[in-house]
Amino acid sequence: MSELKEKESQEEGWTRDEEAALVKKLDWKLMPFAMCLFTAALLDRNNYGNARVLNQNTDRGLENELGMHGYDYQLSVSIFFVTYVLCEVPSNMLLKKFTPRVWFTRIMVTWGIISACQGACSNLAGIIVCRLLIGVAEASLLPGLILWISFWYKPFEIAFRTALIHCNVSIAGAFTGLLATAIGQMHLVGGLSAWRWVFILEGIPSLVLSVITFIFLPDYPHTSTFLSEREKDIAIRRLPPTAPSHLDKDIDKSHFRAILTDPMNLIHPLSYGITILPQSSLSYFLPTILLGMGFSGTMSNLMSVWPNLWAGCFEIWCGFHGDKTQERALHIAIPSIFSMLGWILVPVGGKNGWPVGLRYFFVFFCTTGIGGAPGWFSWRQNMLSGSTQNAVVLAWINTVCNAFGAVAPFLFPSSAGPNYEVGGAICAACWAASILGCGVVYMYDRTRRKNGFYRDMEEASRRELDKLNEMYKRAEETKEAV
């Protein structure tokens, strides 16, 4: 096999070692950017749950100061998803027009400022407006980052890199717990409550990163300054014809029609999206769930660190192993089974008085399912062709996912504590439905492969790419002539 790969590389004009060195160089240059950008967004998004439990039972807690009652907190959490969902696809399409560097900078500047402004809110209306605006600001960051790396990496290099980005959902959850605990010591500094300091201080990294991004982030291989001319040539030519191209900045109408008529754009997002409901529940309510186990507010934030770190590390392994074996379905289904069991056992353990340590152990099961996320994204991306399909479909997947996320805040009302049996049962059912959906996607994908669907798509993409390259050459020749 290795000799065959070596021969194929030599026929293309470069060696396997050259390509491996290039991929390593891309990893060191691109992935730190992508990971930092997404982590900063998650710090701003996830700090809401941590801010809530600081000084919760005092007059200076978030809910008391903002005059929240009943489901007001859940409403203020879920309202974020309204604008986030509506703006996903348009925002990702604008990334094609304005380039990744410009669009990611815009995203970070706006969300950093608005996130910090949450610390100045004095009532429910103010926090709801801020949450709506954060949804507009952050829209398309994750699908935009996955679209961006697809300009640089092969299809079966994507899951591992997606995992490096997406694992920060868990890792940021761990660090927001640590940061919130530390910032909690600033309670009443300058006369401000601890929860206000959480918002103000955690908005700063986004603004710092926006400056770094605007100056240093590389858009595409052909415009990069860190690659030699030979490396640029290899980086561009090694990608399949179905990969997104920097030349394709306009909306391809035929690709857009194909998106609207493709059943996979309903089956896949629903199968993956339903898992976001339990995942979002953990993002917003893990400290609250741990509070129900008997931990204090400060200890709840600290104890939320370890399940999140486990989930992040496991997700990276799933992405790496999925690319190595070029397999997706099992890398999704097996972690999902563990999460389904976790959401059954945590409430059951609370109801039956199981030891806190055992119940806490099953929380790790609950977070394991996130390991399937890179498989879901890369699996669908491996079925797409061109920048229009990638931009729209990736954003559409995230749209459906976050529509489910909007429901999550209502599953764990304070009145359902300390065991949250109904919320746990719904989350377990979501994982069960996703496992079934994974099987449907697998069968549909296998049928398409047998019928030559992807072979025909690749041939059509090759013709379109040749046409774009010819147009680009003519434009360059015209510029030189002028």
Protein backbone atom coordinates (compact mmCIF):
# COMPACT_ATOMS: atom_id res chain seq x y z
CA MET A 1 0.00 0.00 0.00
CA SER A 2 2.78 2.44 0.93
CA GLU A 3 4.58 1.68 -2.35
CA LEU A 4 1.36 2.36 -4.27
CA LYS A 5 0.88 5.72 -2.52
CA GLU A 6 4.51 6.61 -3.22
CA LYS A 7 4.08 5.77 -6.89
CA GLU A 8 0.87 7.85 -7.12
CA SER A 9 2.61 10.83 -5.53
CA GLN A 10 5.57 10.58 -7.90
CA GLU A 11 3.23 10.51 -10.89
CA GLU A 12 1.73 13.78 -9.63
CA GLY A 13 5.17 15.39 -9.44
CA TRP A 14 5.97 15.25 -5.72
CA THR A 15 7.01 12.64 -3.20
CA ARG A 16 5.07 11.29 -0.25
CA ASP A 17 7.61 12.82 2.13
CA GLU A 18 7.13 16.25 0.55
CA GLU A 19 3.38 16.01 1.00
CA ALA A 20 3.72 14.82 4.61
CA ALA A 21 6.06 17.74 5.37
CA LEU A 22 3.56 20.15 3.77
CA VAL A 23 0.64 18.80 5.84
CA LYS A 24 2.72 19.15 9.01
CA LYS A 25 3.54 22.74 8.07
CA LEU A 26 -0.16 23.47 7.44
CA ASP A 27 -1.05 21.99 10.81
CA TRP A 28 1.36 24.22 12.69
CA LYS A 29 0.26 27.33 10.81
CA LEU A 30 -3.51 26.88 10.41
CA MET A 31 -4.80 24.79 13.28
CA PRO A 32 -3.68 27.06 16.15
CA PHE A 33 -5.65 29.87 14.49
CA ALA A 34 -8.77 27.76 14.06
CA MET A 35 -8.60 26.34 17.59
CA CYS A 36 -8.05 29.72 19.24
CA LEU A 37 -10.86 31.41 17.31
CA PHE A 38 -13.42 28.77 18.19
CA THR A 39 -12.27 28.57 21.80
CA ALA A 40 -12.68 32.32 22.20
CA ALA A 41 -16.23 32.10 20.82
CA LEU A 42 -17.06 29.28 23.20
CA LEU A 43 -15.65 31.14 26.18
CA ASP A 44 -18.05 33.97 25.38
CA ARG A 45 -20.97 31.60 24.82
CA ASN A 46 -20.48 29.13 27.69
CA ASN A 47 -19.68 31.66 30.40
CA TYR A 48 -23.40 32.27 30.83
CA GLY A 49 -23.96 29.00 32.68
CA ASN A 50 -20.92 29.56 34.89
CA ALA A 51 -21.92 33.14 35.67
CA ARG A 52 -25.34 31.92 36.76
CA VAL A 53 -24.08 29.76 39.66
CA LEU A 54 -21.77 32.43 41.11
CA ASN A 55 -23.36 33.84 44.27
CA GLN A 56 -26.60 32.22 43.05
CA ASN A 57 -28.43 32.30 46.37
CA THR A 58 -27.61 35.93 47.17
CA ASP A 59 -28.99 39.29 46.10
CA ARG A 60 -25.89 39.79 43.91
CA GLY A 61 -26.43 36.68 41.77
CA LEU A 62 -27.17 37.02 38.02
CA GLU A 63 -30.84 36.03 38.21
CA ASN A 64 -31.63 38.21 41.21
CA GLU A 65 -29.87 41.31 39.86
CA LEU A 66 -31.58 41.01 36.48
CA GLY A 67 -34.98 40.29 38.03
CA MET A 68 -35.38 36.83 36.52
CA HIS A 69 -38.24 34.54 37.53
CA GLY A 70 -39.54 31.15 36.38
CA TYR A 71 -38.25 30.36 32.88
CA ASP A 72 -36.63 33.78 32.32
CA TYR A 73 -33.13 32.33 32.53
CA GLN A 74 -33.97 29.57 30.05
CA LEU A 75 -35.46 32.17 27.70
CA SER A 76 -32.33 34.32 27.88
CA VAL A 77 -30.20 31.27 27.01
CA SER A 78 -32.29 30.02 24.10
CA ILE A 79 -32.92 33.46 22.55
CA PHE A 80 -29.29 33.42 21.38
CA PHE A 81 -30.11 30.61 18.96
CA VAL A 82 -32.87 32.54 17.16
CA THR A 83 -30.53 34.96 15.41
CA TYR A 84 -27.67 32.47 15.33
CA VAL A 85 -29.79 30.01 13.33
CA LEU A 86 -31.23 32.65 10.98
CA CYS A 87 -27.81 34.09 10.12
CA GLU A 88 -25.78 30.88 9.66
CA VAL A 89 -26.20 30.29 5.92
CA PRO A 90 -26.07 33.97 4.81
CA SER A 91 -22.98 34.57 6.94
CA ASN A 92 -21.15 31.56 5.53
CA MET A 93 -21.96 32.67 1.99
CA LEU A 94 -20.49 36.11 2.76
CA LEU A 95 -17.27 34.39 3.83
CA LYS A 96 -16.85 33.39 0.18
CA LYS A 97 -17.10 37.03 -0.87
CA PHE A 98 -15.00 38.71 1.80
CA THR A 99 -12.32 36.00 2.37
CA PRO A 100 -11.84 34.09 5.64
CA ARG A 101 -9.39 36.60 7.13
CA VAL A 102 -11.74 39.57 6.82
CA TRP A 103 -14.88 37.68 7.82
CA PHE A 104 -13.40 35.97 10.87
CA THR A 105 -12.04 39.33 12.05
CA ARG A 106 -15.49 40.88 11.73
CA ILE A 107 -17.05 38.02 13.68
CA MET A 108 -14.60 38.32 16.58
CA VAL A 109 -14.74 42.09 16.92
CA THR A 110 -18.53 42.16 17.10
CA TRP A 111 -18.98 39.22 19.45
CA GLY A 112 -16.19 40.36 21.79
CA ILE A 113 -17.71 43.80 22.25
CA ILE A 114 -21.28 42.55 22.68
CA SER A 115 -20.26 39.77 25.07
CA ALA A 116 -18.47 42.23 27.34
CA CYS A 117 -21.56 44.47 27.26
CA GLN A 118 -23.56 41.73 29.00
CA GLY A 119 -21.72 42.74 32.16
CA ALA A 120 -23.44 46.14 32.01
CA CYS A 121 -27.00 44.79 31.79
CA SER A 122 -29.39 45.77 34.56
CA ASN A 123 -32.56 43.90 33.57
CA LEU A 124 -33.94 40.95 31.59
CA ALA A 125 -34.60 43.02 28.45
CA GLY A 126 -30.99 44.18 28.29
CA ILE A 127 -29.53 40.67 28.53
CA ILE A 128 -31.96 39.35 25.91
CA VAL A 129 -30.93 42.08 23.43
CA CYS A 130 -27.27 41.24 24.03
CA ARG A 131 -27.89 37.53 23.53
CA LEU A 132 -29.74 38.18 20.26
CA LEU A 133 -26.87 40.33 18.97
CA ILE A 134 -24.26 37.73 19.98
CA GLY A 135 -26.18 35.22 17.85
CA VAL A 136 -25.84 37.52 14.83
CA ALA A 137 -22.16 38.15 15.55
CA GLU A 138 -21.08 34.52 16.03
CA ALA A 139 -23.10 33.01 13.16
CA SER A 140 -21.11 30.80 10.76
CA LEU A 141 -17.89 30.68 12.76
CA LEU A 142 -17.78 26.88 13.11
CA PRO A 143 -18.97 26.01 9.56
CA GLY A 144 -16.77 28.84 8.30
CA LEU A 145 -13.71 27.35 9.96
CA ILE A 146 -14.50 23.88 8.57
CA LEU A 147 -15.02 25.42 5.12
CA TRP A 148 -11.70 27.29 5.44
CA ILE A 149 -9.64 24.18 6.27
CA SER A 150 -11.23 22.34 3.34
CA PHE A 151 -9.33 24.72 1.02
CA TRP A 152 -6.14 23.21 2.46
CA TYR A 153 -6.78 19.56 3.43
CA LYS A 154 -7.87 16.35 1.68
CA PRO A 155 -11.25 14.77 2.54
CA PHE A 156 -9.76 12.11 4.83
CA GLU A 157 -7.59 14.66 6.61
CA ILE A 158 -10.62 16.72 7.62
CA ALA A 159 -12.09 14.76 10.57
CA PHE A 160 -8.95 15.02 12.69
CA ARG A 161 -8.63 18.77 12.03
CA THR A 162 -12.36 19.24 12.65
CA ALA A 163 -11.87 17.41 15.94
CA LEU A 164 -9.02 19.75 16.89
CA ILE A 165 -11.43 22.66 16.37
CA HIS A 166 -14.64 21.17 17.74
CA CYS A 167 -13.05 19.53 20.81
CA ASN A 168 -12.82 23.03 22.20
CA VAL A 169 -16.57 22.79 22.88
CA SER A 170 -15.53 20.51 25.73
CA ILE A 171 -12.17 22.06 26.56
CA ALA A 172 -13.63 25.56 26.66
CA GLY A 173 -16.31 24.16 28.97
CA ALA A 174 -13.52 23.03 31.26
CA PHE A 175 -11.66 26.30 31.19
CA THR A 176 -14.75 28.47 31.58
CA GLY A 177 -15.33 26.58 34.81
CA LEU A 178 -11.79 27.34 35.98
CA LEU A 179 -11.92 30.95 34.80
CA ALA A 180 -15.32 31.54 36.36
CA THR A 181 -14.06 30.14 39.65
CA ALA A 182 -11.04 32.45 39.55
CA ILE A 183 -13.03 35.49 38.43
CA GLY A 184 -15.55 34.70 41.17
CA GLN A 185 -12.94 35.90 43.65
CA MET A 186 -13.40 39.40 42.18
CA HIS A 187 -16.90 39.65 43.63
CA LEU A 188 -17.65 43.30 44.53
CA VAL A 189 -14.30 44.54 43.16
CA GLY A 190 -15.11 48.00 41.85
CA GLY A 191 -18.61 47.48 43.22
CA LEU A 192 -19.41 44.90 40.52
CA SER A 193 -20.84 41.44 41.13
CA ALA A 194 -18.73 38.42 40.17
CA TRP A 195 -21.01 37.46 37.26
CA ARG A 196 -20.48 40.87 35.64
CA TRP A 197 -16.69 40.42 35.78
CA VAL A 198 -17.06 37.05 34.05
CA PHE A 199 -18.64 38.69 31.00
CA ILE A 200 -16.32 41.70 30.93
CA LEU A 201 -13.03 39.82 31.26
CA GLU A 202 -13.90 36.88 29.00
CA GLY A 203 -14.79 39.23 26.13
CA ILE A 204 -11.24 40.61 25.95
CA PRO A 205 -9.50 37.58 24.30
CA SER A 206 -11.82 37.87 21.29
CA LEU A 207 -10.77 41.46 20.63
CA VAL A 208 -7.08 40.60 20.95
CA LEU A 209 -7.46 37.65 18.57
CA SER A 210 -9.30 39.78 16.02
CA VAL A 211 -6.21 41.95 15.54
CA ILE A 212 -3.91 38.92 15.23
CA THR A 213 -6.30 37.29 12.75
CA PHE A 214 -6.55 40.33 10.51
CA ILE A 215 -2.77 40.61 10.28
CA PHE A 216 -1.63 37.00 10.10
CA LEU A 217 -4.40 34.57 9.06
CA PRO A 218 -3.74 33.04 5.59
CA ASP A 219 -6.79 32.85 3.32
CA TYR A 220 -5.88 30.31 0.62
CA PRO A 221 -2.84 28.29 -0.50
CA HIS A 222 -2.16 30.44 -3.56
CA THR A 223 -2.06 33.70 -1.52
CA SER A 224 -0.14 32.31 1.47
CA THR A 225 3.21 33.86 2.39
CA PHE A 226 4.47 30.97 4.53
CA LEU A 227 4.60 28.47 1.64
CA SER A 228 7.23 28.30 -1.11
CA GLU A 229 6.08 28.28 -4.72
CA ARG A 230 6.55 24.52 -4.90
CA GLU A 231 4.62 24.03 -1.69
CA LYS A 232 1.78 26.18 -3.03
CA ASP A 233 1.67 24.05 -6.18
CA ILE A 234 1.53 20.82 -4.17
CA ALA A 235 -1.06 22.25 -1.75
CA ILE A 236 -3.40 23.14 -4.62
CA ARG A 237 -2.87 20.14 -6.90
CA ARG A 238 -3.10 17.46 -4.20
CA LEU A 239 -6.74 18.29 -3.47
CA PRO A 240 -9.51 16.40 -5.33
CA PRO A 241 -11.64 18.24 -7.93
CA THR A 242 -14.59 18.14 -5.51
CA ALA A 243 -12.72 20.31 -2.97
CA PRO A 244 -13.76 24.00 -2.59
CA SER A 245 -11.79 26.34 -4.83
CA HIS A 246 -10.72 29.93 -4.15
CA LEU A 247 -11.68 30.65 -7.77
CA ASP A 248 -15.33 29.88 -7.06
CA LYS A 249 -16.54 33.06 -5.32
CA ASP A 250 -20.02 33.21 -6.86
CA ILE A 251 -23.12 31.16 -6.05
CA ASP A 252 -23.30 28.15 -8.37
CA LYS A 253 -27.00 27.88 -9.22
CA SER A 254 -26.80 24.24 -10.31
CA HIS A 255 -25.10 23.32 -7.02
CA PHE A 256 -27.69 25.30 -5.08
CA ARG A 257 -30.53 23.43 -6.83
CA ALA A 258 -28.79 20.14 -6.03
CA ILE A 259 -28.68 21.15 -2.36
CA LEU A 260 -32.42 21.87 -2.27
CA THR A 261 -33.35 18.52 -3.84
CA ASP A 262 -30.89 16.29 -1.96
CA PRO A 263 -32.64 14.15 0.73
CA MET A 264 -29.31 13.82 2.55
CA ASN A 265 -29.62 17.49 3.53
CA LEU A 266 -32.58 16.52 5.67
CA ILE A 267 -31.55 13.06 6.90
CA HIS A 268 -28.01 13.95 7.94
CA PRO A 269 -28.62 17.27 9.78
CA LEU A 270 -31.57 15.83 11.71
CA SER A 271 -29.58 12.73 12.71
CA TYR A 272 -26.67 14.81 13.95
CA GLY A 273 -28.64 17.86 15.07
CA ILE A 274 -30.72 15.97 17.62
CA THR A 275 -27.50 15.23 19.56
CA ILE A 276 -26.97 18.95 20.08
CA LEU A 277 -29.89 19.04 22.49
CA PRO A 278 -28.09 16.89 25.10
CA GLN A 279 -24.72 18.45 24.25
CA SER A 280 -26.07 21.96 24.76
CA SER A 281 -27.70 20.83 27.96
CA LEU A 282 -24.26 19.95 29.28
CA SER A 283 -22.77 23.24 28.10
CA TYR A 284 -25.36 25.29 29.96
CA PHE A 285 -26.36 23.06 32.85
CA LEU A 286 -23.47 20.80 33.83
CA PRO A 287 -22.58 23.08 36.80
CA THR A 288 -26.28 23.10 37.75
CA ILE A 289 -26.53 19.30 37.49
CA LEU A 290 -23.44 18.96 39.68
CA LEU A 291 -24.97 21.46 42.11
CA GLY A 292 -27.90 19.04 42.41
CA MET A 293 -25.45 16.25 43.36
CA GLY A 294 -24.49 18.25 46.44
CA PHE A 295 -21.45 20.24 45.27
CA SER A 296 -21.23 23.94 46.14
CA GLY A 297 -21.40 26.60 43.41
CA THR A 298 -17.62 26.97 43.31
CA MET A 299 -17.03 23.20 43.41
CA SER A 300 -19.64 22.67 40.68
CA ASN A 301 -17.61 24.86 38.33
CA LEU A 302 -14.38 23.06 39.28
CA MET A 303 -15.86 19.55 38.97
CA SER A 304 -17.24 20.39 35.51
CA VAL A 305 -13.65 20.63 34.25
CA TRP A 306 -12.79 16.90 34.16
CA PRO A 307 -15.75 15.49 32.17
CA ASN A 308 -15.21 18.25 29.63
CA LEU A 309 -11.48 17.56 29.33
CA TRP A 310 -12.18 13.85 28.85
CA ALA A 311 -14.69 14.63 26.09
CA GLY A 312 -12.23 16.91 24.29
CA CYS A 313 -9.40 14.35 24.37
CA PHE A 314 -11.70 11.54 23.26
CA GLU A 315 -13.04 13.63 20.38
CA ILE A 316 -9.50 14.25 19.09
CA TRP A 317 -8.82 10.52 19.18
CA CYS A 318 -12.08 9.77 17.31
CA GLY A 319 -11.21 12.31 14.60
CA PHE A 320 -7.67 10.97 14.22
CA HIS A 321 -8.71 7.31 14.14
CA GLY A 322 -11.64 8.04 11.82
CA ASP A 323 -9.32 9.63 9.25
CA LYS A 324 -6.73 6.88 9.65
CA THR A 325 -9.28 4.11 9.04
CA GLN A 326 -11.41 6.23 6.65
CA GLU A 327 -14.48 5.14 8.61
CA ARG A 328 -17.27 7.35 9.97
CA ALA A 329 -20.36 5.44 11.13
CA LEU A 330 -18.82 3.41 13.99
CA HIS A 331 -16.88 6.46 15.21
CA ILE A 332 -20.28 8.14 15.62
CA ALA A 333 -22.46 5.30 16.88
CA ILE A 334 -20.23 3.86 19.63
CA PRO A 335 -19.67 7.18 21.50
CA SER A 336 -23.40 7.87 21.13
CA ILE A 337 -24.26 4.62 22.92
CA PHE A 338 -22.13 5.66 25.91
CA SER A 339 -23.85 9.05 26.12
CA MET A 340 -27.28 7.45 25.92
CA LEU A 341 -26.39 5.21 28.87
CA GLY A 342 -24.94 8.15 30.80
CA TRP A 343 -28.13 10.19 30.54
CA ILE A 344 -30.12 7.20 31.81
CA LEU A 345 -27.82 6.38 34.72
CA VAL A 346 -27.16 9.88 36.12
CA PRO A 347 -30.84 10.64 36.99
CA VAL A 348 -31.52 7.03 38.03
CA GLY A 349 -28.52 7.17 40.38
CA GLY A 350 -29.77 10.40 41.92
CA LYS A 351 -33.28 9.01 42.43
CA ASN A 352 -31.99 5.82 44.06
CA GLY A 353 -29.38 7.44 46.25
CA TRP A 354 -26.28 6.05 44.53
CA PRO A 355 -22.92 7.40 45.79
CA VAL A 356 -22.03 10.84 44.44
CA GLY A 357 -18.74 9.51 43.07
CA LEU A 358 -20.53 6.90 40.95
CA ARG A 359 -23.03 9.42 39.63
CA TYR A 360 -20.19 11.79 38.81
CA PHE A 361 -18.45 8.96 36.92
CA PHE A 362 -21.53 8.50 34.73
CA VAL A 363 -21.35 12.21 33.84
CA PHE A 364 -18.24 11.23 31.85
CA PHE A 365 -20.45 8.86 29.85
CA CYS A 366 -22.78 11.79 29.07
CA THR A 367 -19.93 13.81 27.56
CA THR A 368 -18.49 10.92 25.49
CA GLY A 369 -20.96 11.25 22.61
CA ILE A 370 -19.38 14.48 21.44
CA GLY A 371 -16.59 12.30 20.05
CA GLY A 372 -18.82 11.65 17.04
CA ALA A 373 -19.05 15.33 16.03
CA PRO A 374 -16.01 15.43 13.69
CA GLY A 375 -17.26 12.25 12.03
CA TRP A 376 -20.66 13.81 11.34
CA PHE A 377 -19.19 16.94 9.77
CA SER A 378 -16.46 15.26 7.71
CA TRP A 379 -18.77 12.43 6.60
CA ARG A 380 -21.14 14.93 5.02
CA GLN A 381 -18.29 17.01 3.63
CA ASN A 382 -16.90 13.94 1.88
CA MET A 383 -20.20 13.80 -0.06
CA LEU A 384 -20.03 17.42 -1.31
CA SER A 385 -18.53 19.19 -4.31
CA GLY A 386 -17.35 22.79 -4.70
CA SER A 387 -17.39 25.84 -2.46
CA THR A 388 -21.12 26.59 -2.90
CA GLN A 389 -22.20 23.18 -1.65
CA ASN A 390 -19.64 23.22 1.18
CA ALA A 391 -20.54 26.74 2.32
CA VAL A 392 -24.31 26.23 2.25
CA VAL A 393 -24.52 22.65 3.51
CA LEU A 394 -22.04 23.07 6.37
CA ALA A 395 -23.91 26.17 7.52
CA TRP A 396 -27.24 24.38 7.09
CA ILE A 397 -26.05 21.49 9.29
CA ASN A 398 -25.05 23.96 11.99
CA THR A 399 -28.39 25.75 11.58
CA VAL A 400 -30.36 22.57 12.25
CA CYS A 401 -28.04 21.65 15.12
CA ASN A 402 -28.52 24.95 16.87
CA ALA A 403 -32.27 24.88 16.34
CA PHE A 404 -32.19 21.82 18.59
CA GLY A 405 -29.83 23.68 20.91
CA ALA A 406 -32.47 26.35 21.41
CA VAL A 407 -34.72 23.79 23.12
CA ALA A 408 -32.05 22.58 25.57
CA PRO A 409 -32.37 25.41 28.14
CA PHE A 410 -35.95 24.39 28.91
CA LEU A 411 -35.10 20.79 29.80
CA PHE A 412 -33.52 21.56 33.15
CA PRO A 413 -35.66 24.06 35.07
CA SER A 414 -34.72 24.63 38.70
CA SER A 415 -38.00 23.02 39.76
CA ALA A 416 -36.88 19.69 38.21
CA GLY A 417 -33.78 19.45 40.41
CA PRO A 418 -31.87 17.88 41.90
CA ASN A 419 -32.12 14.76 39.67
CA TYR A 420 -33.61 16.21 36.45
CA GLU A 421 -35.21 12.89 35.47
CA VAL A 422 -37.33 14.22 32.59
CA GLY A 423 -34.42 16.15 31.07
CA GLY A 424 -32.18 13.08 31.34
CA ALA A 425 -34.78 10.84 29.68
CA ILE A 426 -35.21 13.26 26.77
CA CYS A 427 -31.43 13.51 26.29
CA ALA A 428 -31.11 9.70 26.29
CA ALA A 429 -33.89 9.45 23.70
CA CYS A 430 -32.09 12.00 21.51
CA TRP A 431 -28.94 9.88 21.48
CA ALA A 432 -30.99 6.77 20.65
CA ALA A 433 -32.65 8.58 17.72
CA SER A 434 -29.26 9.76 16.47
CA ILE A 435 -27.87 6.21 16.48
CA LEU A 436 -30.84 5.14 14.33
CA GLY A 437 -30.27 8.13 12.02
CA CYS A 438 -26.60 7.22 11.68
CA GLY A 439 -27.66 3.83 10.36
CA VAL A 440 -29.98 5.45 7.80
CA VAL A 441 -27.25 7.82 6.59
CA TYR A 442 -24.82 4.89 6.30
CA MET A 443 -27.23 2.85 4.15
CA TYR A 444 -28.09 5.81 1.91
CA ASP A 445 -24.42 6.72 1.48
CA ARG A 446 -23.50 3.11 0.63
CA THR A 447 -26.30 2.92 -1.96
CA ARG A 448 -25.03 6.09 -3.64
CA ARG A 449 -21.51 4.72 -3.82
CA LYS A 450 -22.74 1.50 -5.42
CA ASN A 451 -24.73 3.51 -7.98
CA GLY A 452 -21.72 5.62 -9.01
CA PHE A 453 -23.20 8.87 -7.66
CA TYR A 454 -19.90 10.17 -6.28
CA ARG A 455 -17.91 9.10 -9.35
CA ASP A 456 -20.22 11.15 -11.58
CA MET A 457 -20.00 14.08 -9.16
CA GLU A 458 -16.20 14.02 -9.25
CA GLU A 459 -16.13 13.98 -13.06
CA ALA A 460 -18.50 16.96 -13.22
CA SER A 461 -16.40 18.80 -10.62
CA ARG A 462 -13.24 18.20 -12.65
CA ARG A 463 -14.84 19.78 -15.72
CA GLU A 464 -16.04 22.80 -13.69
CA LEU A 465 -12.61 23.25 -12.12
CA ASP A 466 -10.90 23.15 -15.51
CA LYS A 467 -13.31 25.84 -16.69
CA LEU A 468 -12.58 28.04 -13.64
CA ASN A 469 -8.83 27.61 -14.09
CA GLU A 470 -9.10 28.63 -17.73
CA MET A 471 -11.10 31.75 -16.81
CA TYR A 472 -8.54 32.62 -14.13
CA LYS A 473 -5.63 32.28 -16.58
CA ARG A 474 -7.37 34.53 -19.10
CA ALA A 475 -8.00 37.15 -16.43
CA GLU A 476 -4.34 37.07 -15.38
CA GLU A 477 -3.18 37.36 -18.99
CA THR A 478 -5.48 40.36 -19.47
CA LYS A 479 -4.01 42.05 -16.39
CA GLU A 480 -0.47 41.49 -17.65
CA ALA A 481 -1.36 42.86 -21.07
CA VAL A 482 -2.79 46.04 -19.51
